[in-house]
Amino acid sequence: MAATFHGVGATVAALSSSSSSSSSSPPSNSFGSKILLSSPSRSFSVRKRASFTMVRSEGSMNFDFNFKGRRAQQLIANAVATKADSSPASSSSKPGHELLLFEALREGLEEEMERDPRVCVMGEDVGHYGGSYKVTKGLATKFGDLRVLDTPIAENSFTGMGIGAAMTGLRPVVEGMNMGFLLLAFNQISNNCGMLHYTSGGQFTIPIVIRGPGGVGRQLGAEHSQRLESYFQSIPGIQMVACSTPYNAKGLMKAAIRSENPVILFEHVLLYNLKERIPDEDYICNLEEAEMVRPGEHVTILTYSRMRYHVMQAAKTLVNKGYDPEVIDIRSLKPFDLYTIGNSVKKTHRVLIVEECMRTGGIGASLIAAITENFNDYLDAPIMCLSSQDVPTPYAGTLEEWTVVQPAQIVAAVEQLCQ
């Protein structure tokens, strides 16, 4: 196997100089999104996540997202990373094409493989089977078995092989099939993937993408319902992003592949059949930028991944009750976009965090710490956080619902915050 990758590395070495890394910002996403009610591929069921109450949402989940202004006018004092205030033209006027989220991931991956011969894919069943959720369907036929490599069921081994391939000049995309399986590769991800650039004195870069589905689905049981964002958050040298729409799934995939840093891309099993119109032209999303989903005045709601849709469902009820919530999909789980978050806090003075991650040591806990440290003087109320309960996810459907945040909880939390 090592000889195989050595050969591929030698083949693409001469071509690597011609590959340029684009860093253009994406156009504002103003396409409407809708949830398809069919289930994803049957190899794995889908799951969902939330926190304390059980509320079943009736009716179809059609959301009218209003992507307006990118930022507030005033700059933030202690932002983690400053960014240029560029506002690309909206892509809503472009004809575009409709894709499911898993198809958008595939399209982004395929485009990058066509653009850069150093990009390769490895993982369990990623080859001619096309991946458990068909993200890599057709790629082995098009690019061959050396660039789309089926691996044994040995996560620690093939993740380490991907890291070694990245060190030699390739740009591997490693699929974990399920994020829970990547716990078997935690040593490689932590001690090697995240630290080799530093421990080698900058001699090596590790441009690897580690991706796969996670989150609470529909009765997949505790071991396949893992929320592992917080597990990897504390690893130095790792970037983490979570996609929530076909638009940002493709844009984040392409940006992650072009990045010189190791990037973990979190996908949610319940979002693979989300459908959206995306632009025909090439674009990427900023790996360190949050997305303003709905501008508002009364409260800032920070969320990501599948909880974005629970929040937007709750937002309809809140608007009918006279509230004007501002909804931000943080997207970048590490580092946080404190520029966008901070400007929103300065405007609304109230913060609600809605996540699927566990409450203890979760993404929400880190967000609370960051906001308190940087923007405490702008808060008029304590920060509230709705998270999944600290219990293994039950297999029984009704019990599973109890562990995950539901829209009615979000409505009640905003009402309490705005009293």
Protein backbone atom coordinates (compact mmCIF):
# COMPACT_ATOMS: atom_id res chain seq x y z
CA MET A 1 0.00 0.00 0.00
CA ALA A 2 2.84 2.36 0.84
CA ALA A 3 4.43 1.59 -2.52
CA THR A 4 1.16 2.38 -4.24
CA PHE A 5 0.98 5.83 -2.70
CA HIS A 6 4.66 6.45 -3.33
CA GLY A 7 3.97 5.86 -7.00
CA VAL A 8 1.00 8.18 -7.03
CA GLY A 9 3.01 10.84 -5.24
CA ALA A 10 5.77 10.57 -7.81
CA THR A 11 3.26 10.82 -10.63
CA VAL A 12 1.68 14.01 -9.37
CA ALA A 13 4.81 15.71 -8.07
CA ALA A 14 5.44 17.42 -11.38
CA LEU A 15 1.83 18.50 -11.61
CA SER A 16 1.55 19.92 -8.10
CA SER A 17 3.15 23.23 -9.05
CA SER A 18 0.35 23.94 -11.51
CA SER A 19 -2.35 23.58 -8.86
CA SER A 20 -3.38 26.90 -7.40
CA SER A 21 -5.29 27.31 -4.16
CA SER A 22 -8.20 29.69 -4.62
CA SER A 23 -9.26 31.78 -1.66
CA SER A 24 -12.13 33.75 -3.12
CA SER A 25 -15.15 34.32 -0.89
CA PRO A 26 -18.43 32.65 -1.85
CA PRO A 27 -21.44 34.56 -3.09
CA SER A 28 -24.18 35.16 -0.57
CA ASN A 29 -26.52 32.20 -0.51
CA SER A 30 -30.08 33.29 -1.13
CA PHE A 31 -31.52 30.07 -2.38
CA GLY A 32 -34.53 28.56 -0.65
CA SER A 33 -34.01 25.20 1.00
CA LYS A 34 -36.42 22.38 1.60
CA ILE A 35 -36.27 19.03 3.33
CA LEU A 36 -37.08 15.96 1.31
CA LEU A 37 -39.08 13.55 3.38
CA SER A 38 -37.47 10.43 1.92
CA SER A 39 -34.75 8.68 3.89
CA PRO A 40 -31.13 8.54 2.74
CA SER A 41 -29.40 5.45 1.45
CA ARG A 42 -30.47 2.35 3.35
CA SER A 43 -27.01 1.22 4.41
CA PHE A 44 -27.39 3.44 7.47
CA SER A 45 -30.55 5.07 8.79
CA VAL A 46 -30.60 8.71 9.71
CA ARG A 47 -30.62 10.27 13.10
CA LYS A 48 -31.27 13.48 14.91
CA ARG A 49 -30.21 15.21 18.01
CA ALA A 50 -31.51 17.57 20.65
CA SER A 51 -31.91 18.25 24.32
CA PHE A 52 -34.57 18.03 26.97
CA THR A 53 -38.19 18.01 25.78
CA MET A 54 -40.07 15.88 23.36
CA VAL A 55 -42.11 17.84 20.86
CA ARG A 56 -43.07 16.38 17.52
CA SER A 57 -43.24 18.88 14.70
CA GLU A 58 -46.31 18.53 12.54
CA GLY A 59 -46.47 19.42 8.89
CA SER A 60 -43.80 19.79 6.25
CA MET A 61 -40.48 21.40 7.01
CA ASN A 62 -40.25 24.15 4.40
CA PHE A 63 -38.15 27.09 5.42
CA ASP A 64 -37.89 30.50 3.85
CA PHE A 65 -34.33 31.59 4.61
CA ASN A 66 -33.56 35.24 4.17
CA PHE A 67 -29.84 35.72 3.59
CA LYS A 68 -29.35 39.47 3.89
CA GLY A 69 -26.57 41.58 5.29
CA ARG A 70 -23.25 39.89 6.01
CA ARG A 71 -22.12 41.94 8.98
CA ALA A 72 -23.00 44.72 11.35
CA GLN A 73 -21.24 48.00 10.74
CA GLN A 74 -19.10 48.13 13.85
CA LEU A 75 -15.93 46.11 14.20
CA ILE A 76 -15.33 43.89 17.21
CA ALA A 77 -12.47 44.52 19.57
CA ASN A 78 -11.23 41.04 20.45
CA ALA A 79 -12.13 38.94 17.42
CA VAL A 80 -10.19 35.74 16.89
CA ALA A 81 -9.57 36.45 13.22
CA THR A 82 -10.26 39.61 11.24
CA LYS A 83 -11.54 39.32 7.71
CA ALA A 84 -11.90 41.59 4.74
CA ASP A 85 -15.32 43.18 4.46
CA SER A 86 -16.03 41.98 0.96
CA SER A 87 -19.63 41.35 -0.08
CA PRO A 88 -19.75 39.33 -3.30
CA ALA A 89 -22.77 39.67 -5.51
CA SER A 90 -25.70 37.41 -4.72
CA SER A 91 -25.95 34.23 -6.75
CA SER A 92 -29.76 34.24 -6.59
CA SER A 93 -29.94 35.68 -10.09
CA LYS A 94 -27.96 32.74 -11.51
CA PRO A 95 -29.91 29.79 -12.90
CA GLY A 96 -27.98 27.19 -10.91
CA HIS A 97 -28.93 23.55 -10.51
CA GLU A 98 -30.67 21.54 -7.80
CA LEU A 99 -28.74 18.98 -5.78
CA LEU A 100 -29.26 16.91 -2.68
CA LEU A 101 -26.68 17.54 0.02
CA PHE A 102 -24.82 14.27 -0.58
CA GLU A 103 -24.74 15.07 -4.30
CA ALA A 104 -23.33 18.53 -3.55
CA LEU A 105 -20.55 16.94 -1.51
CA ARG A 106 -19.82 14.58 -4.38
CA GLU A 107 -19.84 17.40 -6.94
CA GLY A 108 -17.40 19.44 -4.87
CA LEU A 109 -15.11 16.44 -4.41
CA GLU A 110 -15.28 15.51 -8.09
CA GLU A 111 -14.47 19.07 -9.19
CA GLU A 112 -11.45 19.19 -6.92
CA MET A 113 -10.23 15.81 -8.18
CA GLU A 114 -10.50 17.10 -11.73
CA ARG A 115 -8.74 20.36 -10.85
CA ASP A 116 -5.89 18.88 -8.81
CA PRO A 117 -4.41 15.42 -9.54
CA ARG A 118 -3.03 15.28 -6.00
CA VAL A 119 -6.53 14.87 -4.53
CA CYS A 120 -7.36 11.27 -3.66
CA VAL A 121 -10.02 9.49 -1.60
CA MET A 122 -9.68 6.58 0.81
CA GLY A 123 -11.94 4.77 3.22
CA GLU A 124 -14.22 1.80 3.64
CA ASP A 125 -16.48 1.13 0.63
CA VAL A 126 -15.66 4.48 -0.98
CA GLY A 127 -14.71 2.82 -4.28
CA HIS A 128 -17.09 0.96 -6.57
CA TYR A 129 -19.77 0.73 -3.88
CA GLY A 130 -19.79 4.54 -3.79
CA GLY A 131 -19.73 5.06 -0.05
CA SER A 132 -22.38 4.30 2.57
CA TYR A 133 -24.28 7.46 1.62
CA LYS A 134 -23.15 7.51 -2.02
CA VAL A 135 -20.98 10.60 -1.64
CA THR A 136 -18.24 8.93 -3.71
CA LYS A 137 -20.53 7.14 -6.19
CA GLY A 138 -18.98 6.94 -9.65
CA LEU A 139 -15.62 8.40 -8.66
CA ALA A 140 -13.73 5.09 -8.78
CA THR A 141 -14.92 4.48 -12.35
CA LYS A 142 -13.90 7.97 -13.40
CA PHE A 143 -10.58 8.35 -11.56
CA GLY A 144 -9.45 4.77 -11.03
CA ASP A 145 -8.61 2.64 -8.03
CA LEU A 146 -5.37 4.46 -7.20
CA ARG A 147 -7.18 7.75 -6.51
CA VAL A 148 -10.32 6.24 -4.97
CA LEU A 149 -8.95 3.57 -2.67
CA ASP A 150 -11.07 1.03 -0.83
CA THR A 151 -9.46 0.21 2.50
CA PRO A 152 -9.82 -2.60 5.03
CA ILE A 153 -11.92 -2.04 8.15
CA ALA A 154 -8.99 -0.49 10.00
CA GLU A 155 -9.62 3.19 10.76
CA ASN A 156 -6.41 3.80 12.65
CA SER A 157 -4.37 2.33 9.79
CA PHE A 158 -5.95 4.08 6.81
CA THR A 159 -6.21 7.41 8.63
CA GLY A 160 -2.50 7.17 9.36
CA MET A 161 -1.89 6.25 5.74
CA GLY A 162 -3.81 9.36 4.68
CA ILE A 163 -1.72 11.54 6.98
CA GLY A 164 1.45 10.03 5.53
CA ALA A 165 0.15 10.63 2.01
CA ALA A 166 -0.49 14.28 2.89
CA MET A 167 3.07 14.61 4.19
CA THR A 168 4.41 13.42 0.83
CA GLY A 169 2.44 16.00 -1.19
CA LEU A 170 -0.94 14.42 -1.83
CA ARG A 171 -4.26 15.88 -0.68
CA PRO A 172 -6.21 12.90 0.68
CA VAL A 173 -9.87 12.91 1.64
CA VAL A 174 -10.50 10.24 4.29
CA GLU A 175 -14.07 9.03 4.84
CA GLY A 176 -14.83 7.58 8.23
CA MET A 177 -18.16 5.98 7.12
CA ASN A 178 -19.48 7.04 10.52
CA MET A 179 -17.86 9.61 12.79
CA GLY A 180 -18.09 7.18 15.69
CA PHE A 181 -15.66 4.88 13.92
CA LEU A 182 -13.02 7.63 13.88
CA LEU A 183 -12.57 7.17 17.61
CA LEU A 184 -10.45 4.20 16.55
CA ALA A 185 -8.19 6.68 14.72
CA PHE A 186 -8.07 9.26 17.49
CA ASN A 187 -4.36 8.71 18.13
CA GLN A 188 -3.50 9.38 14.49
CA ILE A 189 -5.74 12.45 14.32
CA SER A 190 -4.43 13.92 17.58
CA ASN A 191 -0.75 13.02 17.81
CA ASN A 192 0.04 13.10 14.10
CA CYS A 193 -2.55 14.94 12.03
CA GLY A 194 -2.85 17.94 14.33
CA MET A 195 0.74 18.23 15.53
CA LEU A 196 3.15 17.19 12.77
CA HIS A 197 3.34 20.64 11.20
CA TYR A 198 4.46 22.05 14.55
CA THR A 199 6.65 19.17 15.73
CA SER A 200 8.47 19.08 12.37
CA GLY A 201 9.31 22.77 12.67
CA GLY A 202 7.12 23.54 9.66
CA GLN A 203 8.84 21.03 7.40
CA PHE A 204 5.57 19.17 6.79
CA THR A 205 2.07 20.40 6.06
CA ILE A 206 -0.86 18.01 6.47
CA PRO A 207 -3.48 19.03 3.85
CA ILE A 208 -5.92 16.25 4.69
CA VAL A 209 -9.73 16.28 4.91
CA ILE A 210 -11.40 13.86 7.31
CA ARG A 211 -15.12 13.66 6.72
CA GLY A 212 -18.13 11.51 7.47
CA PRO A 213 -21.67 11.43 8.84
CA GLY A 214 -22.61 11.77 12.47
CA GLY A 215 -25.40 13.01 14.67
CA VAL A 216 -28.55 11.46 16.09
CA GLY A 217 -30.59 9.83 13.35
CA ARG A 218 -33.59 7.60 13.46
CA GLN A 219 -32.98 4.78 15.91
CA LEU A 220 -29.38 3.95 15.12
CA GLY A 221 -28.55 3.26 18.75
CA ALA A 222 -25.98 4.83 21.04
CA GLU A 223 -22.79 3.76 19.26
CA HIS A 224 -23.94 5.10 15.88
CA SER A 225 -25.46 8.29 17.30
CA GLN A 226 -22.25 9.98 18.33
CA ARG A 227 -21.75 13.74 18.44
CA LEU A 228 -17.98 13.94 18.31
CA GLU A 229 -17.39 17.60 17.58
CA SER A 230 -16.25 18.30 21.13
CA TYR A 231 -13.91 15.28 21.10
CA PHE A 232 -11.80 16.78 18.32
CA GLN A 233 -12.24 20.44 19.29
CA SER A 234 -9.40 20.44 21.79
CA ILE A 235 -6.79 19.04 19.38
CA PRO A 236 -4.25 21.74 18.46
CA GLY A 237 -3.71 22.25 14.74
CA ILE A 238 -7.12 20.96 13.58
CA GLN A 239 -9.83 23.00 11.85
CA MET A 240 -13.45 21.86 12.10
CA VAL A 241 -16.46 22.81 9.99
CA ALA A 242 -20.04 21.53 9.87
CA CYS A 243 -22.16 21.73 6.72
CA SER A 244 -25.91 22.29 6.90
CA THR A 245 -27.06 23.01 3.30
CA PRO A 246 -26.08 21.71 -0.14
CA TYR A 247 -24.62 25.16 -0.87
CA ASN A 248 -22.22 25.22 2.06
CA ALA A 249 -21.58 21.47 1.85
CA LYS A 250 -20.03 21.87 -1.58
CA GLY A 251 -18.30 25.14 -0.72
CA LEU A 252 -16.81 23.82 2.52
CA MET A 253 -15.71 20.57 0.87
CA LYS A 254 -13.81 22.45 -1.83
CA ALA A 255 -12.30 24.91 0.64
CA ALA A 256 -11.22 22.11 2.98
CA ILE A 257 -9.46 20.25 0.16
CA ARG A 258 -7.60 23.40 -0.88
CA SER A 259 -6.57 24.26 2.67
CA GLU A 260 -3.03 23.56 3.84
CA ASN A 261 -4.40 22.65 7.28
CA PRO A 262 -6.01 19.37 8.36
CA VAL A 263 -9.78 19.87 8.30
CA ILE A 264 -12.52 17.71 9.82
CA LEU A 265 -15.81 18.11 7.94
CA PHE A 266 -18.87 17.07 9.95
CA GLU A 267 -21.93 15.95 8.02
CA HIS A 268 -25.29 14.98 9.48
CA VAL A 269 -27.04 11.78 8.48
CA LEU A 270 -30.47 13.47 8.51
CA LEU A 271 -29.40 16.20 6.08
CA TYR A 272 -28.11 14.10 3.17
CA ASN A 273 -31.48 14.37 1.38
CA LEU A 274 -31.78 18.12 1.86
CA LYS A 275 -32.34 19.73 -1.55
CA GLU A 276 -31.28 23.17 -2.71
CA ARG A 277 -30.42 25.12 -5.85
CA ILE A 278 -26.75 26.01 -5.97
CA PRO A 279 -24.78 28.14 -8.46
CA ASP A 280 -23.36 26.65 -11.64
CA GLU A 281 -20.14 28.61 -11.34
CA ASP A 282 -17.22 27.58 -9.16
CA TYR A 283 -17.28 28.86 -5.57
CA ILE A 284 -15.85 28.02 -2.17
CA CYS A 285 -16.92 28.92 1.38
CA ASN A 286 -14.64 30.53 3.94
CA LEU A 287 -13.61 27.88 6.46
CA GLU A 288 -13.58 30.43 9.29
CA GLU A 289 -16.77 32.34 8.55
CA ALA A 290 -20.23 31.96 10.05
CA GLU A 291 -23.40 32.39 7.98
CA MET A 292 -26.08 34.94 8.77
CA VAL A 293 -29.24 32.90 8.23
CA ARG A 294 -31.78 35.41 9.51
CA PRO A 295 -31.03 39.01 10.61
CA GLY A 296 -32.93 40.12 13.71
CA GLU A 297 -32.91 42.51 16.66
CA HIS A 298 -34.06 40.80 19.86
CA VAL A 299 -31.85 37.77 20.45
CA THR A 300 -28.88 36.04 18.80
CA ILE A 301 -29.40 32.31 18.22
CA LEU A 302 -26.19 30.44 17.44
CA THR A 303 -26.51 26.97 15.95
CA TYR A 304 -25.06 24.61 13.35
CA SER A 305 -25.76 21.44 11.37
CA ARG A 306 -29.25 19.93 11.76
CA MET A 307 -30.27 22.18 14.64
CA ARG A 308 -30.33 25.05 12.14
CA TYR A 309 -33.66 23.69 10.92
CA HIS A 310 -35.11 23.26 14.38
CA VAL A 311 -34.14 26.88 15.06
CA MET A 312 -35.74 28.13 11.85
CA GLN A 313 -38.90 26.21 12.64
CA ALA A 314 -38.96 27.85 16.06
CA ALA A 315 -38.25 31.24 14.46
CA LYS A 316 -41.59 31.11 12.63
CA THR A 317 -43.41 30.73 15.92
CA LEU A 318 -41.30 33.45 17.54
CA VAL A 319 -42.06 35.93 14.76
CA ASN A 320 -45.77 35.24 15.17
CA LYS A 321 -45.35 35.99 18.88
CA GLY A 322 -43.70 39.34 18.14
CA TYR A 323 -40.02 38.40 18.56
CA ASP A 324 -37.30 39.13 16.01
CA PRO A 325 -34.54 36.52 16.43
CA GLU A 326 -31.21 36.74 14.64
CA VAL A 327 -30.08 33.26 13.54
CA ILE A 328 -26.43 32.49 12.82
CA ASP A 329 -25.14 29.16 11.53
CA ILE A 330 -21.66 29.20 13.03
CA ARG A 331 -20.40 26.60 10.48
CA SER A 332 -16.80 26.97 11.69
CA LEU A 333 -16.58 24.94 14.89
CA LYS A 334 -12.89 25.72 15.24
CA PRO A 335 -12.00 28.54 15.18
CA PHE A 336 -15.21 30.42 15.96
CA ASP A 337 -16.09 33.42 13.80
CA LEU A 338 -16.15 35.91 16.68
CA TYR A 339 -16.34 38.77 14.20
CA THR A 340 -19.85 37.83 13.09
CA ILE A 341 -20.90 36.52 16.51
CA GLY A 342 -19.61 39.58 18.34
CA ASN A 343 -21.33 42.07 16.06
CA SER A 344 -24.60 40.23 16.59
CA VAL A 345 -24.17 40.22 20.38
CA LYS A 346 -23.51 43.97 20.30
CA LYS A 347 -26.81 44.43 18.48
CA THR A 348 -29.14 42.04 20.35
CA HIS A 349 -27.48 41.81 23.82
CA ARG A 350 -28.91 38.31 24.31
CA VAL A 351 -27.57 34.91 23.23
CA LEU A 352 -29.14 31.48 22.89
CA ILE A 353 -27.00 28.53 21.74
CA VAL A 354 -28.74 25.51 20.22
CA GLU A 355 -26.61 22.45 19.54
CA GLU A 356 -26.74 18.69 19.11
CA CYS A 357 -23.50 18.21 20.97
CA MET A 358 -23.52 17.02 24.58
CA ARG A 359 -23.94 19.71 27.20
CA THR A 360 -20.85 18.81 29.21
CA GLY A 361 -17.76 19.97 27.35
CA GLY A 362 -19.70 20.59 24.13
CA ILE A 363 -19.38 23.23 21.42
CA GLY A 364 -21.90 25.35 23.34
CA ALA A 365 -19.69 25.36 26.43
CA SER A 366 -16.77 26.66 24.38
CA LEU A 367 -18.99 29.29 22.75
CA ILE A 368 -20.19 30.48 26.15
CA ALA A 369 -16.58 30.85 27.31
CA ALA A 370 -15.56 32.76 24.17
CA ILE A 371 -18.55 35.13 24.26
CA THR A 372 -18.20 35.77 27.99
CA GLU A 373 -14.51 36.51 27.64
CA ASN A 374 -14.87 38.86 24.67
CA PHE A 375 -18.35 40.40 24.83
CA ASN A 376 -19.59 40.13 28.41
CA ASP A 377 -20.14 43.89 28.71
CA TYR A 378 -22.68 43.79 25.90
CA LEU A 379 -24.89 41.10 27.46
CA ASP A 380 -28.16 42.08 29.13
CA ALA A 381 -28.98 38.51 30.21
CA PRO A 382 -27.08 35.31 30.96
CA ILE A 383 -26.22 33.17 27.93
CA MET A 384 -28.56 30.19 27.54
CA CYS A 385 -27.54 26.90 25.94
CA LEU A 386 -29.81 24.08 24.77
CA SER A 387 -27.84 20.87 24.25
CA SER A 388 -28.35 17.14 24.02
CA GLN A 389 -28.69 15.37 27.32
CA ASP A 390 -25.63 13.71 28.80
CA VAL A 391 -26.93 10.20 28.19
CA PRO A 392 -26.24 7.54 25.55
CA THR A 393 -28.78 7.98 22.76
CA PRO A 394 -31.61 5.47 23.30
CA TYR A 395 -32.67 3.14 20.51
CA ALA A 396 -36.41 3.62 21.18
CA GLY A 397 -37.74 6.40 18.96
CA THR A 398 -39.76 8.19 21.63
CA LEU A 399 -36.86 8.13 24.08
CA GLU A 400 -34.49 9.31 21.35
CA GLU A 401 -36.70 12.36 20.84
CA TRP A 402 -36.40 13.20 24.53
CA THR A 403 -32.61 13.51 24.28
CA VAL A 404 -32.61 16.08 21.48
CA VAL A 405 -33.50 19.81 21.43
CA GLN A 406 -36.92 20.44 19.91
CA PRO A 407 -38.41 23.67 18.46
CA ALA A 408 -40.77 24.23 21.41
CA GLN A 409 -37.78 24.36 23.78
CA ILE A 410 -36.17 27.03 21.61
CA VAL A 411 -39.35 29.12 21.67
CA ALA A 412 -39.58 28.84 25.47
CA ALA A 413 -35.91 29.75 25.91
CA VAL A 414 -36.22 32.89 23.76
CA GLU A 415 -39.32 33.97 25.66
CA GLN A 416 -37.43 33.56 28.93
CA LEU A 417 -34.39 35.47 27.62
CA CYS A 418 -36.45 38.38 26.33
CA GLN A 419 -38.56 38.90 29.45
